[in-house]
Amino acid sequence: MKHLLIFLLTLLAAGLNSGCATYWQMKRVESNQTVMQGQLLDLKARQAALEEVVQLLKNDAGRLDEAARRNKVDALTQIESLEQQMRSLQARLNDLNERLSRLNQKLDARPTRTDSTMQGAASDAGASYQEASLDFSRGHYPLAIEGFREYLRRFPEGEMAANAQYYIGEAYYAGSDYPAAVEAYEAVLNGYPGSGRAAAALLKIAYCYLAQGDDNGGRAYLERVVREYPASAEAALAQARLQAR
C-alpha cells in the first residue's frame, strides 16, 4: 500500500511539472509574438517614412536644370541608397510575417483546457496589445486607438506601453488628424523619453506640422531630431527632408 501511494504521488508530481512547462512555453511564444508584432508595425512605419522622403527627393531631382547636374546626381545617389534601405526593410517585413504566421499556428494548436489561473493569465498585456496591433495593421484606426488606450489603462507600466502610445499617434496620423497625432506623439516624449520611440515621435511631429503647412514648426522639429538623435535612422530621414525643402 505504501509503495502504491508513493507511485501515485510521483505520477501526480510529474503531471504537474509537465503542465507548468507547457504553460510557460505557451507564455514565451505569446511574448515573442507580441515583440515581433511591435517590430512589424515599426518596420511598416519606417518604410512609409522612407517612401515619403524618396518621393520628395525624386520630385526635387526632377526640377533641377542642367546647371545643377552635379546636385542632381547627388540626389539620385541618395535616392538609390534610400531605395536600397526600403528593399532591406521589405525583406525584414516578409521574414517577420512568416515568423508570425508560424507562431500563430503554434498558438492555435495549444491546449484548450486550462485551469482558472491559466484562464486569468491568458487575458494579459500581450493579448490586449496584439488585438490593438491587428486593428492597426488592418486599417481599423479608431478601434486601434481604443485598444491601445485600453492597454495603457490596464498596463501603464507594460513593456509595450511606449509602443502603444506611439501607435495611437500613428493611427491619428494615418487619419490626417494631425493635432491629435501631435498630442499623442508628445505623450511619448513626455511619458517615455528614454524609449526607442522618442526619435520617431519627434520626427512624426515634424511631419504633422509640415502637413498642416507650418514650415517653420516642421523645420524646428526636423532640426531637433538631427540635433538630439544624430546617430538614428530618424535623423537621416529628417536631414533628407531638410535638404529637399
Protein backbone atom coordinates (compact mmCIF):
# COMPACT_ATOMS: atom_id res chain seq x y z
CA MET A 1 0.00 0.00 0.00
CA LYS A 2 2.82 2.38 0.90
CA HIS A 3 4.63 1.69 -2.38
CA LEU A 4 1.42 2.28 -4.32
CA LEU A 5 0.90 5.65 -2.62
CA ILE A 6 4.46 6.75 -3.42
CA PHE A 7 3.97 5.68 -7.03
CA LEU A 8 0.75 7.71 -7.37
CA LEU A 9 2.32 10.80 -5.80
CA THR A 10 5.25 10.55 -8.22
CA LEU A 11 2.88 10.41 -11.21
CA LEU A 12 0.96 13.43 -9.90
CA ALA A 13 4.13 15.50 -9.47
CA ALA A 14 5.31 14.60 -12.97
CA GLY A 15 1.95 15.64 -14.43
CA LEU A 16 2.04 19.00 -12.64
CA ASN A 17 5.58 19.70 -13.78
CA SER A 18 4.64 18.85 -17.35
CA GLY A 19 1.61 21.14 -17.22
CA CYS A 20 3.66 24.05 -15.86
CA ALA A 21 6.33 23.54 -18.52
CA THR A 22 3.69 23.56 -21.27
CA TYR A 23 2.09 26.71 -19.83
CA TRP A 24 5.35 28.67 -19.68
CA GLN A 25 6.28 27.52 -23.17
CA MET A 26 2.97 28.98 -24.34
CA LYS A 27 3.68 32.23 -22.50
CA ARG A 28 7.10 32.50 -24.15
CA VAL A 29 5.52 32.03 -27.57
CA GLU A 30 2.91 34.71 -26.80
CA SER A 31 5.62 37.09 -25.55
CA ASN A 32 7.69 36.53 -28.70
CA GLN A 33 4.62 37.17 -30.82
CA THR A 34 3.94 40.47 -29.06
CA VAL A 35 7.51 41.68 -29.57
CA MET A 36 7.51 40.65 -33.23
CA GLN A 37 4.15 42.36 -33.80
CA GLY A 38 5.68 45.57 -32.49
CA GLN A 39 8.71 45.13 -34.73
CA LEU A 40 6.45 44.57 -37.71
CA LEU A 41 4.49 47.76 -37.10
CA ASP A 42 7.75 49.66 -36.58
CA LEU A 43 9.16 48.44 -39.89
CA LYS A 44 5.96 49.40 -41.71
CA ALA A 45 6.11 52.91 -40.25
CA ARG A 46 9.76 53.29 -41.24
CA GLN A 47 9.03 52.02 -44.72
CA ALA A 48 6.24 54.58 -45.15
CA ALA A 49 8.56 57.36 -43.98
CA LEU A 50 11.27 56.26 -46.40
CA GLU A 51 8.81 56.16 -49.28
CA GLU A 52 7.74 59.70 -48.49
CA VAL A 53 11.32 61.00 -48.47
CA VAL A 54 12.17 59.13 -51.68
CA GLN A 55 9.21 60.74 -53.44
CA LEU A 56 10.26 64.18 -52.24
CA LEU A 57 13.79 63.64 -53.47
CA LYS A 58 12.55 62.40 -56.82
CA ASN A 59 10.38 65.48 -57.22
CA ASP A 60 13.26 67.72 -56.22
CA ALA A 61 15.67 65.99 -58.61
CA GLY A 62 13.21 66.36 -61.47
CA ARG A 63 13.17 70.14 -61.06
CA LEU A 64 16.91 70.56 -61.29
CA ASP A 65 18.20 72.11 -64.54
CA GLU A 66 21.38 71.43 -66.47
CA ALA A 67 23.41 73.87 -64.38
CA ALA A 68 22.64 71.80 -61.26
CA ARG A 69 23.55 68.41 -62.79
CA ARG A 70 26.05 67.59 -60.07
CA ASN A 71 23.47 68.23 -57.36
CA LYS A 72 21.03 66.08 -59.30
CA VAL A 73 23.50 63.19 -59.36
CA ASP A 74 23.96 63.53 -55.59
CA ALA A 75 20.21 63.49 -55.07
CA LEU A 76 19.76 60.43 -57.26
CA THR A 77 22.56 58.66 -55.38
CA GLN A 78 20.75 59.39 -52.15
CA ILE A 79 17.53 58.09 -53.66
CA GLU A 80 19.24 54.82 -54.64
CA SER A 81 20.56 54.47 -51.09
CA LEU A 82 17.10 55.04 -49.61
CA GLU A 83 15.51 52.62 -52.06
CA GLN A 84 18.08 50.00 -51.03
CA GLN A 85 17.07 50.58 -47.39
CA MET A 86 13.44 50.13 -48.41
CA ARG A 87 14.23 46.82 -50.12
CA SER A 88 16.03 45.70 -46.97
CA LEU A 89 13.04 46.72 -44.84
CA GLN A 90 10.69 44.82 -47.15
CA ALA A 91 12.81 41.68 -46.78
CA ARG A 92 12.66 42.02 -43.00
CA LEU A 93 8.89 42.57 -43.17
CA ASN A 94 8.48 39.39 -45.18
CA ASP A 95 10.60 37.46 -42.71
CA LEU A 96 8.65 38.78 -39.73
CA ASN A 97 5.33 37.98 -41.40
CA GLU A 98 6.48 34.42 -41.98
CA ARG A 99 7.69 34.01 -38.39
CA LEU A 100 4.44 35.50 -37.04
CA SER A 101 2.48 33.05 -39.15
CA ARG A 102 4.39 30.13 -37.61
CA LEU A 103 3.83 31.50 -34.11
CA ASN A 104 0.11 31.87 -34.78
CA GLN A 105 -0.02 28.24 -35.85
CA LYS A 106 1.63 27.22 -32.58
CA LEU A 107 -0.84 29.29 -30.58
CA ASP A 108 -3.79 27.82 -32.48
CA ALA A 109 -2.55 24.34 -31.63
CA ARG A 110 -2.21 24.99 -27.87
CA PRO A 111 -4.39 23.02 -25.42
CA THR A 112 -7.87 24.46 -24.84
CA ARG A 113 -8.38 23.06 -21.35
CA THR A 114 -6.85 25.28 -18.68
CA ASP A 115 -7.48 25.87 -15.01
CA SER A 116 -8.80 29.19 -13.62
CA THR A 117 -5.29 30.55 -13.03
CA MET A 118 -4.27 29.98 -16.64
CA GLN A 119 -7.50 31.50 -17.91
CA GLY A 120 -6.83 34.66 -15.93
CA ALA A 121 -3.29 34.88 -17.28
CA ALA A 122 -4.45 34.38 -20.89
CA SER A 123 -6.13 37.81 -20.97
CA ASP A 124 -2.84 39.56 -20.19
CA ALA A 125 -0.98 42.53 -21.60
CA GLY A 126 0.29 40.64 -24.63
CA ALA A 127 -3.18 39.64 -25.79
CA SER A 128 -4.51 43.17 -25.30
CA TYR A 129 -1.65 44.71 -27.28
CA GLN A 130 -1.89 42.13 -30.07
CA GLU A 131 -5.58 42.83 -30.62
CA ALA A 132 -4.96 46.58 -30.97
CA SER A 133 -1.99 45.90 -33.27
CA LEU A 134 -4.12 43.76 -35.55
CA ASP A 135 -6.73 46.52 -35.79
CA PHE A 136 -3.98 48.98 -36.70
CA SER A 137 -2.45 46.72 -39.37
CA ARG A 138 -5.92 46.24 -40.92
CA GLY A 139 -6.53 49.98 -41.09
CA HIS A 140 -9.19 49.99 -38.35
CA TYR A 141 -7.69 53.07 -36.75
CA PRO A 142 -10.49 54.11 -34.35
CA LEU A 143 -10.56 50.57 -32.96
CA ALA A 144 -6.77 50.52 -32.72
CA ILE A 145 -6.77 53.80 -30.77
CA GLU A 146 -9.38 52.41 -28.39
CA GLY A 147 -7.41 49.18 -27.99
CA PHE A 148 -4.06 50.86 -27.34
CA ARG A 149 -5.68 53.20 -24.82
CA GLU A 150 -7.23 50.23 -23.06
CA TYR A 151 -3.81 48.58 -22.93
CA LEU A 152 -2.31 51.73 -21.38
CA ARG A 153 -5.17 51.95 -18.88
CA ARG A 154 -4.67 48.37 -17.76
CA PHE A 155 -0.88 48.15 -18.10
CA PRO A 156 0.58 51.69 -17.78
CA GLU A 157 4.00 50.24 -16.98
CA GLY A 158 3.81 47.41 -19.53
CA GLU A 159 6.78 46.61 -21.72
CA MET A 160 4.85 47.77 -24.80
CA ALA A 161 3.47 50.98 -23.23
CA ALA A 162 5.70 53.32 -25.26
CA ASN A 163 4.77 51.45 -28.44
CA ALA A 164 1.07 51.66 -27.60
CA GLN A 165 1.25 55.42 -27.08
CA TYR A 166 3.26 55.87 -30.28
CA TYR A 167 0.77 53.90 -32.37
CA ILE A 168 -2.09 55.99 -31.04
CA GLY A 169 -0.26 58.85 -32.73
CA GLU A 170 0.30 56.76 -35.86
CA ALA A 171 -3.41 55.96 -36.07
CA TYR A 172 -4.35 59.64 -35.82
CA TYR A 173 -1.65 60.50 -38.38
CA ALA A 174 -2.98 57.89 -40.81
CA GLY A 175 -6.40 59.50 -40.46
CA SER A 176 -4.94 63.00 -41.10
CA ASP A 177 -5.97 64.18 -37.62
CA TYR A 178 -2.67 66.00 -37.14
CA PRO A 179 -3.44 67.96 -33.94
CA ALA A 180 -4.49 64.76 -32.16
CA ALA A 181 -1.44 62.98 -33.58
CA VAL A 182 0.88 65.70 -32.25
CA GLU A 183 -0.70 65.36 -28.80
CA ALA A 184 -0.18 61.58 -28.86
CA TYR A 185 3.43 61.87 -30.02
CA GLU A 186 4.12 64.49 -27.36
CA ALA A 187 2.83 61.98 -24.79
CA VAL A 188 5.56 59.59 -25.96
CA LEU A 189 8.23 62.26 -25.45
CA ASN A 190 6.86 63.24 -22.02
CA GLY A 191 5.95 59.80 -20.72
CA TYR A 192 8.66 57.63 -22.29
CA PRO A 193 11.62 59.93 -23.07
CA GLY A 194 14.17 57.13 -22.90
CA SER A 195 12.27 54.72 -25.11
CA GLY A 196 13.19 53.69 -28.62
CA ARG A 197 10.10 55.55 -29.87
CA ALA A 198 11.21 59.03 -28.82
CA ALA A 199 13.15 59.87 -32.01
CA ALA A 200 10.35 58.54 -34.23
CA ALA A 201 7.74 60.53 -32.28
CA LEU A 202 9.78 63.71 -32.68
CA LEU A 203 10.11 63.11 -36.43
CA LYS A 204 6.40 62.48 -36.85
CA ILE A 205 5.58 65.72 -35.00
CA ALA A 206 7.65 67.49 -37.64
CA TYR A 207 5.68 65.71 -40.38
CA CYS A 208 2.42 66.78 -38.72
CA TYR A 209 3.42 70.45 -38.75
CA LEU A 210 4.56 70.23 -42.36
CA ALA A 211 1.32 68.52 -43.37
CA GLN A 212 -0.58 71.45 -41.88
CA GLY A 213 1.51 73.97 -43.81
CA ASP A 214 3.57 75.12 -40.82
CA ASP A 215 7.02 75.07 -42.42
CA ASN A 216 8.71 76.87 -39.52
CA GLY A 217 7.35 74.47 -36.93
CA GLY A 218 8.18 71.47 -39.11
CA ARG A 219 11.73 72.65 -39.71
CA ALA A 220 12.25 73.28 -36.00
CA TYR A 221 11.30 69.70 -35.14
CA LEU A 222 13.34 68.24 -38.01
CA GLU A 223 16.36 70.10 -36.67
CA ARG A 224 15.62 68.78 -33.17
CA VAL A 225 15.68 65.21 -34.49
CA VAL A 226 19.07 65.76 -36.10
CA ARG A 227 20.42 67.53 -33.03
CA GLU A 228 19.06 65.22 -30.32
CA TYR A 229 19.33 61.86 -32.10
CA PRO A 230 22.20 62.34 -34.59
CA ALA A 231 23.02 58.64 -34.98
CA SER A 232 19.44 57.48 -35.53
CA ALA A 233 17.69 56.45 -38.73
CA GLU A 234 15.17 59.21 -37.98
CA ALA A 235 17.97 61.78 -38.09
CA ALA A 236 18.89 60.63 -41.61
CA LEU A 237 15.25 60.97 -42.69
CA ALA A 238 14.99 64.41 -41.09
CA GLN A 239 18.20 65.56 -42.78
CA ALA A 240 16.96 64.36 -46.15
CA ARG A 241 13.67 66.20 -45.63
CA LEU A 242 15.53 69.39 -44.69
CA GLN A 243 17.71 69.17 -47.81
CA ALA A 244 14.69 68.53 -50.02
CA ARG A 245 12.90 71.70 -48.90
